[in-house]
C-alpha atoms as a PDB file:
ATOM      1  CA  UNK A   1      47.126 -42.131  31.671  1.00  0.00           C
ATOM      2  CA  UNK A   2      45.871 -39.197  32.877  1.00  0.00           C
ATOM      3  CA  UNK A   3      44.185 -37.075  31.155  1.00  0.00           C
ATOM      4  CA  UNK A   4      44.922 -33.222  30.143  1.00  0.00           C
ATOM      5  CA  UNK A   5      42.903 -30.595  31.519  1.00  0.00           C
ATOM      6  CA  UNK A   6      41.263 -28.631  29.264  1.00  0.00           C
ATOM      7  CA  UNK A   7      41.327 -25.049  28.139  1.00  0.00           C
ATOM      8  CA  UNK A   8      37.732 -23.178  28.086  1.00  0.00           C
ATOM      9  CA  UNK A   9      38.136 -20.793  25.385  1.00  0.00           C
ATOM     10  CA  UNK A  10      35.395 -18.814  23.016  1.00  0.00           C
ATOM     11  CA  UNK A  11      34.661 -20.790  20.133  1.00  0.00           C
ATOM     12  CA  UNK A  12      36.428 -19.672  16.887  1.00  0.00           C
ATOM     13  CA  UNK A  13      34.780 -20.368  13.271  1.00  0.00           C
ATOM     14  CA  UNK A  14      37.127 -22.844  12.771  1.00  0.00           C
ATOM     15  CA  UNK A  15      35.857 -24.732  15.434  1.00  0.00           C
ATOM     16  CA  UNK A  16      32.323 -25.171  13.727  1.00  0.00           C
ATOM     17  CA  UNK A  17      32.825 -29.027  12.374  1.00  0.00           C
ATOM     18  CA  UNK A  18      33.993 -30.258  15.435  1.00  0.00           C
ATOM     19  CA  UNK A  19      31.049 -28.383  17.155  1.00  0.00           C
ATOM     20  CA  UNK A  20      28.381 -29.873  15.186  1.00  0.00           C
ATOM     21  CA  UNK A  21      30.452 -33.547  15.625  1.00  0.00           C
ATOM     22  CA  UNK A  22      29.988 -32.925  19.111  1.00  0.00           C
ATOM     23  CA  UNK A  23      26.081 -32.127  18.746  1.00  0.00           C
ATOM     24  CA  UNK A  24      25.742 -35.124  15.822  1.00  0.00           C
ATOM     25  CA  UNK A  25      27.576 -37.389  18.291  1.00  0.00           C
ATOM     26  CA  UNK A  26      24.980 -36.149  21.243  1.00  0.00           C
ATOM     27  CA  UNK A  27      21.672 -36.782  18.959  1.00  0.00           C
ATOM     28  CA  UNK A  28      23.417 -40.265  17.583  1.00  0.00           C
ATOM     29  CA  UNK A  29      23.916 -41.396  21.570  1.00  0.00           C
ATOM     30  CA  UNK A  30      21.438 -43.796  23.563  1.00  0.00           C
ATOM     31  CA  UNK A  31      18.427 -43.095  25.321  1.00  0.00           C
ATOM     32  CA  UNK A  32      18.601 -40.057  27.566  1.00  0.00           C
ATOM     33  CA  UNK A  33      21.209 -38.382  26.219  1.00  0.00           C
ATOM     34  CA  UNK A  34      19.998 -36.491  23.492  1.00  0.00           C
ATOM     35  CA  UNK A  35      20.618 -32.357  23.383  1.00  0.00           C
ATOM     36  CA  UNK A  36      17.115 -31.998  22.384  1.00  0.00           C
ATOM     37  CA  UNK A  37      14.330 -35.560  21.949  1.00  0.00           C
ATOM     38  CA  UNK A  38      12.913 -33.178  18.802  1.00  0.00           C
ATOM     39  CA  UNK A  39      16.045 -31.607  17.563  1.00  0.00           C
ATOM     40  CA  UNK A  40      16.498 -31.288  14.185  1.00  0.00           C
ATOM     41  CA  UNK A  41      19.062 -32.204  11.324  1.00  0.00           C
ATOM     42  CA  UNK A  42      22.035 -31.189  12.042  1.00  0.00           C
ATOM     43  CA  UNK A  43      23.094 -27.902  10.580  1.00  0.00           C
ATOM     44  CA  UNK A  44      25.708 -27.916   7.455  1.00  0.00           C
ATOM     45  CA  UNK A  45      28.898 -25.792   8.304  1.00  0.00           C
ATOM     46  CA  UNK A  46      27.780 -22.945   5.881  1.00  0.00           C
ATOM     47  CA  UNK A  47      24.691 -22.429   7.640  1.00  0.00           C
ATOM     48  CA  UNK A  48      26.378 -22.792  11.365  1.00  0.00           C
ATOM     49  CA  UNK A  49      28.884 -20.311   9.757  1.00  0.00           C
ATOM     50  CA  UNK A  50      26.340 -17.767   9.150  1.00  0.00           C
ATOM     51  CA  UNK A  51      24.802 -18.645  12.892  1.00  0.00           C
ATOM     52  CA  UNK A  52      27.333 -18.083  14.563  1.00  0.00           C
ATOM     53  CA  UNK A  53      28.508 -14.850  12.527  1.00  0.00           C
ATOM     54  CA  UNK A  54      25.200 -13.651  14.023  1.00  0.00           C
ATOM     55  CA  UNK A  55      25.697 -14.745  17.815  1.00  0.00           C
ATOM     56  CA  UNK A  56      28.930 -13.127  17.816  1.00  0.00           C
ATOM     57  CA  UNK A  57      27.147  -9.743  16.988  1.00  0.00           C
ATOM     58  CA  UNK A  58      25.116 -10.130  19.955  1.00  0.00           C
ATOM     59  CA  UNK A  59      26.495  -8.702  22.934  1.00  0.00           C
ATOM     60  CA  UNK A  60      27.531 -10.575  25.837  1.00  0.00           C
ATOM     61  CA  UNK A  61      27.033 -14.088  24.093  1.00  0.00           C
ATOM     62  CA  UNK A  62      29.580 -16.501  23.521  1.00  0.00           C
ATOM     63  CA  UNK A  63      29.709 -20.231  22.335  1.00  0.00           C
ATOM     64  CA  UNK A  64      32.172 -21.922  24.168  1.00  0.00           C
ATOM     65  CA  UNK A  65      35.149 -24.721  23.589  1.00  0.00           C
ATOM     66  CA  UNK A  66      37.000 -27.253  25.897  1.00  0.00           C
ATOM     67  CA  UNK A  67      39.685 -27.868  24.497  1.00  0.00           C
ATOM     68  CA  UNK A  68      42.325 -30.987  24.900  1.00  0.00           C
ATOM     69  CA  UNK A  69      45.250 -32.059  23.145  1.00  0.00           C
ATOM     70  CA  UNK A  70      43.813 -30.122  20.474  1.00  0.00           C
ATOM     71  CA  UNK A  71      40.504 -31.632  19.922  1.00  0.00           C
ATOM     72  CA  UNK A  72      37.434 -29.933  20.947  1.00  0.00           C
ATOM     73  CA  UNK A  73      36.108 -32.192  23.556  1.00  0.00           C
ATOM     74  CA  UNK A  74      33.283 -29.858  24.840  1.00  0.00           C
ATOM     75  CA  UNK A  75      30.834 -26.787  24.341  1.00  0.00           C
ATOM     76  CA  UNK A  76      28.387 -24.632  25.321  1.00  0.00           C
ATOM     77  CA  UNK A  77      26.948 -21.180  24.739  1.00  0.00           C
ATOM     78  CA  UNK A  78      26.394 -18.423  27.370  1.00  0.00           C
ATOM     79  CA  UNK A  79      24.141 -15.243  27.157  1.00  0.00           C
ATOM     80  CA  UNK A  80      24.606 -12.491  29.784  1.00  0.00           C
ATOM     81  CA  UNK A  81      21.730 -10.435  29.231  1.00  0.00           C
ATOM     82  CA  UNK A  82      21.104  -6.701  31.341  1.00  0.00           C
ATOM     83  CA  UNK A  83      17.529  -6.754  33.167  1.00  0.00           C
ATOM     84  CA  UNK A  84      15.402  -3.944  33.756  1.00  0.00           C
ATOM     85  CA  UNK A  85      14.231  -5.790  36.519  1.00  0.00           C
ATOM     86  CA  UNK A  86      16.346  -7.004  39.398  1.00  0.00           C
ATOM     87  CA  UNK A  87      17.658  -3.299  40.091  1.00  0.00           C
ATOM     88  CA  UNK A  88      19.736  -3.872  36.755  1.00  0.00           C
ATOM     89  CA  UNK A  89      21.525  -7.104  37.767  1.00  0.00           C
ATOM     90  CA  UNK A  90      22.137  -8.992  34.778  1.00  0.00           C
ATOM     91  CA  UNK A  91      21.076 -12.779  34.364  1.00  0.00           C
ATOM     92  CA  UNK A  92      23.063 -15.785  32.515  1.00  0.00           C
ATOM     93  CA  UNK A  93      21.624 -18.076  30.439  1.00  0.00           C
ATOM     94  CA  UNK A  94      23.695 -21.346  29.674  1.00  0.00           C
ATOM     95  CA  UNK A  95      22.529 -23.437  26.395  1.00  0.00           C
ATOM     96  CA  UNK A  96      23.333 -26.616  24.395  1.00  0.00           C
ATOM     97  CA  UNK A  97      26.196 -28.257  26.894  1.00  0.00           C
ATOM     98  CA  UNK A  98      27.880 -31.106  25.115  1.00  0.00           C
ATOM     99  CA  UNK A  99      30.627 -33.268  26.452  1.00  0.00           C
ATOM    100  CA  UNK A 100      32.221 -36.149  24.149  1.00  0.00           C
ATOM    101  CA  UNK A 101      30.780 -39.162  24.873  1.00  0.00           C
ATOM    102  CA  UNK A 102      34.486 -40.550  25.577  1.00  0.00           C
ATOM    103  CA  UNK A 103      34.866 -37.895  27.743  1.00  0.00           C
ATOM    104  CA  UNK A 104      32.015 -37.872  30.049  1.00  0.00           C
ATOM    105  CA  UNK A 105      32.515 -38.500  33.490  1.00  0.00           C
ATOM    106  CA  UNK A 106      35.948 -37.018  33.398  1.00  0.00           C
ATOM    107  CA  UNK A 107      34.959 -33.493  35.127  1.00  0.00           C
ATOM    108  CA  UNK A 108      34.837 -31.342  31.761  1.00  0.00           C
ATOM    109  CA  UNK A 109      31.340 -30.796  31.829  1.00  0.00           C
ATOM    110  CA  UNK A 110      31.615 -29.641  35.906  1.00  0.00           C
ATOM    111  CA  UNK A 111      34.962 -27.363  34.472  1.00  0.00           C
ATOM    112  CA  UNK A 112      33.033 -25.843  32.123  1.00  0.00           C
ATOM    113  CA  UNK A 113      29.778 -25.022  34.060  1.00  0.00           C
ATOM    114  CA  UNK A 114      31.920 -23.828  36.830  1.00  0.00           C
ATOM    115  CA  UNK A 115      33.789 -21.332  34.243  1.00  0.00           C
ATOM    116  CA  UNK A 116      29.804 -19.942  33.452  1.00  0.00           C
ATOM    117  CA  UNK A 117      29.494 -19.361  36.754  1.00  0.00           C
ATOM    118  CA  UNK A 118      32.615 -17.481  37.325  1.00  0.00           C
ATOM    119  CA  UNK A 119      31.500 -15.491  34.430  1.00  0.00           C
ATOM    120  CA  UNK A 120      28.107 -14.299  35.429  1.00  0.00           C
ATOM    121  CA  UNK A 121      29.731 -13.579  38.962  1.00  0.00           C
ATOM    122  CA  UNK A 122      32.105 -11.281  37.198  1.00  0.00           C
ATOM    123  CA  UNK A 123      29.681  -9.698  35.138  1.00  0.00           C
ATOM    124  CA  UNK A 124      27.577  -9.224  38.809  1.00  0.00           C
ATOM    125  CA  UNK A 125      24.868 -11.570  37.715  1.00  0.00           C
ATOM    126  CA  UNK A 126      21.951 -12.574  40.285  1.00  0.00           C
ATOM    127  CA  UNK A 127      21.452 -15.869  38.308  1.00  0.00           C
ATOM    128  CA  UNK A 128      22.360 -18.691  35.961  1.00  0.00           C
ATOM    129  CA  UNK A 129      19.713 -20.513  34.559  1.00  0.00           C
ATOM    130  CA  UNK A 130      19.495 -23.353  31.885  1.00  0.00           C
ATOM    131  CA  UNK A 131      16.707 -25.745  31.005  1.00  0.00           C
ATOM    132  CA  UNK A 132      17.070 -29.635  30.552  1.00  0.00           C
ATOM    133  CA  UNK A 133      14.716 -31.674  28.439  1.00  0.00           C
ATOM    134  CA  UNK A 134      12.790 -34.180  31.317  1.00  0.00           C
ATOM    135  CA  UNK A 135      14.082 -37.603  29.949  1.00  0.00           C
ATOM    136  CA  UNK A 136      17.804 -36.513  30.723  1.00  0.00           C
ATOM    137  CA  UNK A 137      17.969 -37.556  34.031  1.00  0.00           C
ATOM    138  CA  UNK A 138      21.799 -38.002  34.394  1.00  0.00           C
ATOM    139  CA  UNK A 139      21.887 -34.197  33.229  1.00  0.00           C
ATOM    140  CA  UNK A 140      19.207 -33.621  35.795  1.00  0.00           C
ATOM    141  CA  UNK A 141      21.759 -35.215  38.811  1.00  0.00           C
ATOM    142  CA  UNK A 142      24.922 -33.776  37.230  1.00  0.00           C
ATOM    143  CA  UNK A 143      23.296 -29.670  37.432  1.00  0.00           C
ATOM    144  CA  UNK A 144      22.028 -30.400  40.862  1.00  0.00           C
ATOM    145  CA  UNK A 145      25.716 -31.670  41.985  1.00  0.00           C
ATOM    146  CA  UNK A 146      26.765 -28.551  40.991  1.00  0.00           C
ATOM    147  CA  UNK A 147      24.210 -26.774  43.065  1.00  0.00           C
ATOM    148  CA  UNK A 148      21.591 -25.605  40.782  1.00  0.00           C
ATOM    149  CA  UNK A 149      18.185 -26.224  41.854  1.00  0.00           C
ATOM    150  CA  UNK A 150      14.383 -27.154  40.512  1.00  0.00           C
ATOM    151  CA  UNK A 151      12.736 -23.625  40.253  1.00  0.00           C
ATOM    152  CA  UNK A 152       9.600 -23.263  38.862  1.00  0.00           C
ATOM    153  CA  UNK A 153       8.615 -24.411  35.485  1.00  0.00           C
ATOM    154  CA  UNK A 154      10.038 -24.425  31.901  1.00  0.00           C
ATOM    155  CA  UNK A 155       7.686 -23.765  29.463  1.00  0.00           C
ATOM    156  CA  UNK A 156       7.828 -23.822  25.392  1.00  0.00           C
ATOM    157  CA  UNK A 157       6.266 -23.834  22.460  1.00  0.00           C
ATOM    158  CA  UNK A 158       6.978 -25.030  19.162  1.00  0.00           C
ATOM    159  CA  UNK A 159       6.760 -22.446  16.422  1.00  0.00           C
END
């Protein structure tokens, strides 16, 4: 049986329970699959609704979902930000990339990242960046297979 090609679209408030469930699936997954090795407990739907409303007010910041057969099977967030450097060209940042474990390896993550790249190209971005936890080696191979290269260092400070 062939899986339907997912539609990628901006998330709505109605998608939040499914998005939170995707994050929970990853957090409960096996070694090396966690979205964030130091993750906090999942947001409640009520808190997620408040955060989502703030995200929707950001210019050029969108949470997307991949939907197939009426089910949210993937998600990611894309911020396209303006810059004073680089001759004013914007840049893109992708975050929180998740594909449901039962649908991994079927090209959905690739479709989502190609969509993000197309959005950035259309906006005139000079680059698209993401960060990935050091332990997520399969994810690193996935991103490198899409043409991402390891560049510099990513630094973080816990606050």
